[in-house]
C-alpha atoms as a PDB file:
ATOM      1  CA  MET A   1      53.612  31.358 -34.490  1.00  0.00           C
ATOM      2  CA  ASP A   2      55.379  31.866 -31.166  1.00  0.00           C
ATOM      3  CA  ASN A   3      52.815  30.390 -28.768  1.00  0.00           C
ATOM      4  CA  ASN A   4      54.932  31.129 -25.707  1.00  0.00           C
ATOM      5  CA  ARG A   5      54.955  34.833 -26.483  1.00  0.00           C
ATOM      6  CA  VAL A   6      51.164  34.853 -26.837  1.00  0.00           C
ATOM      7  CA  TYR A   7      50.696  32.820 -23.638  1.00  0.00           C
ATOM      8  CA  LYS A   8      52.652  35.384 -21.628  1.00  0.00           C
ATOM      9  CA  MET A   9      50.885  38.433 -23.070  1.00  0.00           C
ATOM     10  CA  LYS A  10      48.788  40.226 -20.491  1.00  0.00           C
ATOM     11  CA  PHE A  11      45.085  40.038 -21.222  1.00  0.00           C
ATOM     12  CA  ALA A  12      44.844  43.647 -20.000  1.00  0.00           C
ATOM     13  CA  SER A  13      47.195  44.756 -22.787  1.00  0.00           C
ATOM     14  CA  VAL A  14      44.978  43.274 -25.528  1.00  0.00           C
ATOM     15  CA  TYR A  15      41.529  43.941 -24.034  1.00  0.00           C
ATOM     16  CA  PRO A  16      41.541  47.673 -24.976  1.00  0.00           C
ATOM     17  CA  HIS A  17      42.221  46.669 -28.590  1.00  0.00           C
ATOM     18  CA  TYR A  18      39.139  44.416 -28.551  1.00  0.00           C
ATOM     19  CA  ILE A  19      37.082  47.336 -27.246  1.00  0.00           C
ATOM     20  CA  THR A  20      38.509  49.786 -29.792  1.00  0.00           C
ATOM     21  CA  LYS A  21      37.926  47.388 -32.681  1.00  0.00           C
ATOM     22  CA  ALA A  22      34.297  46.893 -31.661  1.00  0.00           C
ATOM     23  CA  GLU A  23      33.572  50.564 -30.893  1.00  0.00           C
ATOM     24  CA  LYS A  24      35.014  51.723 -34.235  1.00  0.00           C
ATOM     25  CA  LYS A  25      32.285  49.640 -35.868  1.00  0.00           C
ATOM     26  CA  GLY A  26      29.483  50.928 -33.627  1.00  0.00           C
ATOM     27  CA  ARG A  27      29.505  48.075 -31.135  1.00  0.00           C
ATOM     28  CA  THR A  28      29.859  48.430 -27.371  1.00  0.00           C
ATOM     29  CA  ARG A  29      32.211  47.475 -24.565  1.00  0.00           C
ATOM     30  CA  GLN A  30      29.320  45.565 -23.000  1.00  0.00           C
ATOM     31  CA  GLU A  31      28.933  43.442 -26.139  1.00  0.00           C
ATOM     32  CA  VAL A  32      32.648  42.606 -26.035  1.00  0.00           C
ATOM     33  CA  ASN A  33      32.302  41.707 -22.358  1.00  0.00           C
ATOM     34  CA  ASP A  34      29.215  39.597 -23.068  1.00  0.00           C
ATOM     35  CA  LEU A  35      31.195  37.602 -25.630  1.00  0.00           C
ATOM     36  CA  ILE A  36      34.088  37.120 -23.206  1.00  0.00           C
ATOM     37  CA  PHE A  37      31.657  35.974 -20.504  1.00  0.00           C
ATOM     38  CA  TRP A  38      29.897  33.618 -22.931  1.00  0.00           C
ATOM     39  CA  LEU A  39      33.156  32.077 -24.133  1.00  0.00           C
ATOM     40  CA  THR A  40      34.898  31.700 -20.765  1.00  0.00           C
ATOM     41  CA  GLY A  41      32.320  31.738 -17.983  1.00  0.00           C
ATOM     42  CA  TYR A  42      33.894  34.776 -16.351  1.00  0.00           C
ATOM     43  CA  ASP A  43      31.692  37.582 -15.040  1.00  0.00           C
ATOM     44  CA  GLU A  44      32.090  41.330 -14.550  1.00  0.00           C
ATOM     45  CA  THR A  45      33.837  40.993 -11.183  1.00  0.00           C
ATOM     46  CA  SER A  46      36.299  38.370 -12.356  1.00  0.00           C
ATOM     47  CA  LEU A  47      37.061  40.377 -15.511  1.00  0.00           C
ATOM     48  CA  VAL A  48      37.963  43.402 -13.393  1.00  0.00           C
ATOM     49  CA  ASP A  49      40.265  41.161 -11.319  1.00  0.00           C
ATOM     50  CA  ILE A  50      41.901  39.773 -14.469  1.00  0.00           C
ATOM     51  CA  LEU A  51      42.516  43.259 -15.824  1.00  0.00           C
ATOM     52  CA  THR A  52      43.775  44.575 -12.479  1.00  0.00           C
ATOM     53  CA  ASN A  53      46.077  41.618 -11.810  1.00  0.00           C
ATOM     54  CA  GLU A  54      47.433  41.674 -15.375  1.00  0.00           C
ATOM     55  CA  THR A  55      46.638  38.008 -15.891  1.00  0.00           C
ATOM     56  CA  ASN A  56      48.331  36.477 -18.936  1.00  0.00           C
ATOM     57  CA  PHE A  57      46.428  34.654 -21.694  1.00  0.00           C
ATOM     58  CA  GLU A  58      47.565  31.210 -20.584  1.00  0.00           C
ATOM     59  CA  THR A  59      46.224  31.724 -17.058  1.00  0.00           C
ATOM     60  CA  PHE A  60      43.151  33.516 -18.393  1.00  0.00           C
ATOM     61  CA  PHE A  61      42.097  30.466 -20.384  1.00  0.00           C
ATOM     62  CA  ASN A  62      43.387  27.777 -18.002  1.00  0.00           C
ATOM     63  CA  ASP A  63      41.434  29.336 -15.124  1.00  0.00           C
ATOM     64  CA  ALA A  64      38.271  30.054 -17.107  1.00  0.00           C
ATOM     65  CA  PRO A  65      35.330  28.974 -14.935  1.00  0.00           C
ATOM     66  CA  LYS A  66      33.382  27.307 -17.760  1.00  0.00           C
ATOM     67  CA  PHE A  67      34.720  27.371 -21.282  1.00  0.00           C
ATOM     68  CA  ASN A  68      31.675  27.263 -23.544  1.00  0.00           C
ATOM     69  CA  PRO A  69      31.207  23.915 -25.332  1.00  0.00           C
ATOM     70  CA  ASN A  70      29.678  25.780 -28.295  1.00  0.00           C
ATOM     71  CA  ALA A  71      33.079  27.368 -28.928  1.00  0.00           C
ATOM     72  CA  SER A  72      33.872  24.360 -31.083  1.00  0.00           C
ATOM     73  CA  LYS A  73      31.235  25.683 -33.516  1.00  0.00           C
ATOM     74  CA  ILE A  74      33.411  28.733 -34.187  1.00  0.00           C
ATOM     75  CA  LYS A  75      34.887  28.232 -37.642  1.00  0.00           C
ATOM     76  CA  GLY A  76      36.859  30.301 -40.085  1.00  0.00           C
ATOM     77  CA  VAL A  77      40.165  32.026 -40.599  1.00  0.00           C
ATOM     78  CA  ILE A  78      41.739  34.501 -38.202  1.00  0.00           C
ATOM     79  CA  CYS A  79      45.316  35.751 -38.475  1.00  0.00           C
ATOM     80  CA  GLY A  80      45.865  33.336 -41.352  1.00  0.00           C
ATOM     81  CA  TYR A  81      44.881  30.224 -39.373  1.00  0.00           C
ATOM     82  CA  ARG A  82      41.700  28.155 -39.512  1.00  0.00           C
ATOM     83  CA  VAL A  83      40.558  28.188 -35.884  1.00  0.00           C
ATOM     84  CA  GLU A  84      39.063  24.710 -36.080  1.00  0.00           C
ATOM     85  CA  GLU A  85      42.423  23.262 -37.182  1.00  0.00           C
ATOM     86  CA  ILE A  86      44.634  24.795 -34.481  1.00  0.00           C
ATOM     87  CA  GLU A  87      46.008  21.906 -32.427  1.00  0.00           C
ATOM     88  CA  ASP A  88      47.317  23.801 -29.403  1.00  0.00           C
ATOM     89  CA  PRO A  89      44.308  24.142 -27.038  1.00  0.00           C
ATOM     90  CA  ILE A  90      45.298  27.484 -25.510  1.00  0.00           C
ATOM     91  CA  MET A  91      46.158  29.032 -28.868  1.00  0.00           C
ATOM     92  CA  GLN A  92      42.881  27.769 -30.271  1.00  0.00           C
ATOM     93  CA  LYS A  93      41.003  29.481 -27.436  1.00  0.00           C
ATOM     94  CA  VAL A  94      42.910  32.714 -28.047  1.00  0.00           C
ATOM     95  CA  ARG A  95      41.934  32.551 -31.714  1.00  0.00           C
ATOM     96  CA  TYR A  96      38.314  31.727 -30.846  1.00  0.00           C
ATOM     97  CA  LEU A  97      38.207  34.967 -28.877  1.00  0.00           C
ATOM     98  CA  ASP A  98      39.873  36.879 -31.715  1.00  0.00           C
ATOM     99  CA  LYS A  99      37.383  35.416 -34.182  1.00  0.00           C
ATOM    100  CA  ILE A 100      34.250  36.311 -32.213  1.00  0.00           C
ATOM    101  CA  ILE A 101      35.496  39.863 -31.624  1.00  0.00           C
ATOM    102  CA  ASP A 102      36.131  40.100 -35.357  1.00  0.00           C
ATOM    103  CA  GLU A 103      32.616  38.828 -36.079  1.00  0.00           C
ATOM    104  CA  LEU A 104      31.192  41.424 -33.674  1.00  0.00           C
ATOM    105  CA  ALA A 105      33.099  44.189 -35.470  1.00  0.00           C
ATOM    106  CA  LYS A 106      31.786  42.919 -38.797  1.00  0.00           C
ATOM    107  CA  GLY A 107      28.215  43.430 -37.604  1.00  0.00           C
ATOM    108  CA  LYS A 108      27.054  39.921 -36.721  1.00  0.00           C
ATOM    109  CA  SER A 109      24.366  39.684 -34.066  1.00  0.00           C
ATOM    110  CA  LEU A 110      25.323  38.351 -30.641  1.00  0.00           C
ATOM    111  CA  ASP A 111      22.980  35.385 -31.108  1.00  0.00           C
ATOM    112  CA  LYS A 112      24.782  34.335 -34.296  1.00  0.00           C
ATOM    113  CA  ILE A 113      28.213  34.873 -32.750  1.00  0.00           C
ATOM    114  CA  MET A 114      27.187  32.771 -29.749  1.00  0.00           C
ATOM    115  CA  ARG A 115      26.029  30.056 -32.127  1.00  0.00           C
ATOM    116  CA  LYS A 116      22.482  30.012 -30.723  1.00  0.00           C
END
Protein backbone atom coordinates (compact mmCIF):
# COMPACT_ATOMS: atom_id res chain seq x y z
CA MET A 1 0.00 0.00 0.00
CA ASP A 2 1.39 3.39 -1.00
CA ASN A 3 0.85 5.35 2.22
CA ASN A 4 2.30 8.55 0.78
CA ARG A 5 -0.28 8.60 -1.99
CA VAL A 6 -3.10 8.18 0.55
CA TYR A 7 -1.63 10.84 2.86
CA LYS A 8 -1.67 13.41 0.05
CA MET A 9 -5.20 12.63 -1.13
CA LYS A 10 -7.59 15.49 -0.51
CA PHE A 11 -10.24 14.66 2.05
CA ALA A 12 -12.69 16.64 -0.12
CA SER A 13 -12.11 14.21 -3.00
CA VAL A 14 -13.09 11.17 -0.91
CA TYR A 15 -15.84 12.70 1.25
CA PRO A 16 -18.48 12.60 -1.55
CA HIS A 17 -17.80 8.86 -1.94
CA TYR A 18 -18.51 8.34 1.78
CA ILE A 19 -21.79 10.21 1.36
CA THR A 20 -22.75 8.30 -1.79
CA LYS A 21 -21.95 4.94 -0.20
CA ALA A 22 -24.11 5.75 2.82
CA GLU A 23 -27.01 7.29 0.87
CA LYS A 24 -27.20 4.31 -1.52
CA LYS A 25 -28.00 2.20 1.54
CA GLY A 26 -30.59 4.61 2.95
CA ARG A 27 -28.32 6.42 5.38
CA THR A 28 -27.79 10.17 5.53
CA ARG A 29 -25.06 12.75 5.08
CA GLN A 30 -25.65 13.80 8.68
CA GLU A 31 -24.93 10.26 9.90
CA VAL A 32 -21.65 10.26 7.95
CA ASN A 33 -20.80 13.64 9.46
CA ASP A 34 -21.71 12.42 12.95
CA LEU A 35 -19.28 9.53 12.55
CA ILE A 36 -16.53 11.85 11.32
CA PHE A 37 -17.15 14.18 14.27
CA TRP A 38 -17.17 11.26 16.72
CA LEU A 39 -13.93 9.82 15.36
CA THR A 40 -11.95 13.06 15.01
CA GLY A 41 -13.47 15.73 17.24
CA TYR A 42 -14.16 18.02 14.30
CA ASP A 43 -17.47 19.87 14.06
CA GLU A 44 -19.64 21.17 11.23
CA THR A 45 -17.69 24.42 10.85
CA SER A 46 -14.29 22.76 10.80
CA LEU A 47 -15.52 20.13 8.32
CA VAL A 48 -16.62 22.88 5.93
CA ASP A 49 -13.16 24.46 6.29
CA ILE A 50 -11.46 21.12 5.59
CA LEU A 51 -13.55 20.58 2.48
CA THR A 52 -13.07 24.16 1.26
CA ASN A 53 -9.32 24.21 1.88
CA GLU A 54 -8.85 20.77 0.29
CA THR A 55 -7.03 19.45 3.33
CA ASN A 56 -5.18 16.18 2.72
CA PHE A 57 -5.70 13.05 4.84
CA GLU A 58 -2.40 13.40 6.67
CA THR A 59 -3.25 16.93 7.85
CA PHE A 60 -6.87 15.95 8.46
CA PHE A 61 -5.84 13.32 10.99
CA ASN A 62 -2.77 15.08 12.42
CA ASP A 63 -4.85 18.19 13.16
CA ALA A 64 -7.90 16.34 14.48
CA PRO A 65 -9.01 18.16 17.64
CA LYS A 66 -9.68 15.00 19.67
CA PHE A 67 -9.23 11.61 18.09
CA ASN A 68 -11.67 9.31 19.87
CA PRO A 69 -10.00 6.82 22.24
CA ASN A 70 -12.77 4.31 21.47
CA ALA A 71 -11.46 4.11 17.90
CA SER A 72 -9.14 1.37 19.10
CA LYS A 73 -12.28 -0.77 19.56
CA ILE A 74 -12.85 -0.71 15.80
CA LYS A 75 -11.91 -4.16 14.53
CA GLY A 76 -12.20 -6.05 11.30
CA VAL A 77 -11.04 -6.10 7.72
CA ILE A 78 -11.24 -3.19 5.31
CA CYS A 79 -9.52 -3.10 1.92
CA GLY A 80 -7.89 -6.43 2.74
CA TYR A 81 -6.23 -5.20 5.96
CA ARG A 82 -7.16 -5.86 9.58
CA VAL A 83 -7.52 -2.33 10.97
CA GLU A 84 -6.29 -3.32 14.42
CA GLU A 85 -3.02 -4.64 12.94
CA ILE A 86 -2.09 -1.62 10.80
CA GLU A 87 1.14 -0.22 12.25
CA ASP A 88 1.22 3.17 10.54
CA PRO A 89 -0.87 5.49 12.78
CA ILE A 90 -2.20 7.73 10.01
CA MET A 91 -3.08 4.81 7.74
CA GLN A 92 -4.79 3.10 10.64
CA LYS A 93 -6.93 6.20 11.22
CA VAL A 94 -7.81 6.35 7.52
CA ARG A 95 -8.90 2.72 7.67
CA TYR A 96 -10.86 3.31 10.89
CA LEU A 97 -12.85 5.93 9.02
CA ASP A 98 -13.32 3.62 6.04
CA LYS A 99 -14.47 0.84 8.35
CA ILE A 100 -17.08 2.89 10.22
CA ILE A 101 -18.50 4.27 6.96
CA ASP A 102 -18.70 0.69 5.71
CA GLU A 103 -20.49 -0.36 8.90
CA LEU A 104 -22.95 2.52 8.46
CA ALA A 105 -23.67 1.42 4.89
CA LYS A 106 -24.22 -2.14 6.11
CA GLY A 107 -27.00 -0.94 8.42
CA LYS A 108 -25.35 -0.87 11.84
CA SER A 109 -26.78 1.61 14.32
CA LEU A 110 -24.72 4.68 15.19
CA ASP A 111 -24.49 3.52 18.81
CA LYS A 112 -22.90 0.22 17.76
CA ILE A 113 -20.57 1.92 15.29
CA MET A 114 -19.49 4.37 18.00
CA ARG A 115 -18.82 1.43 20.30
CA LYS A 116 -21.17 2.71 23.01
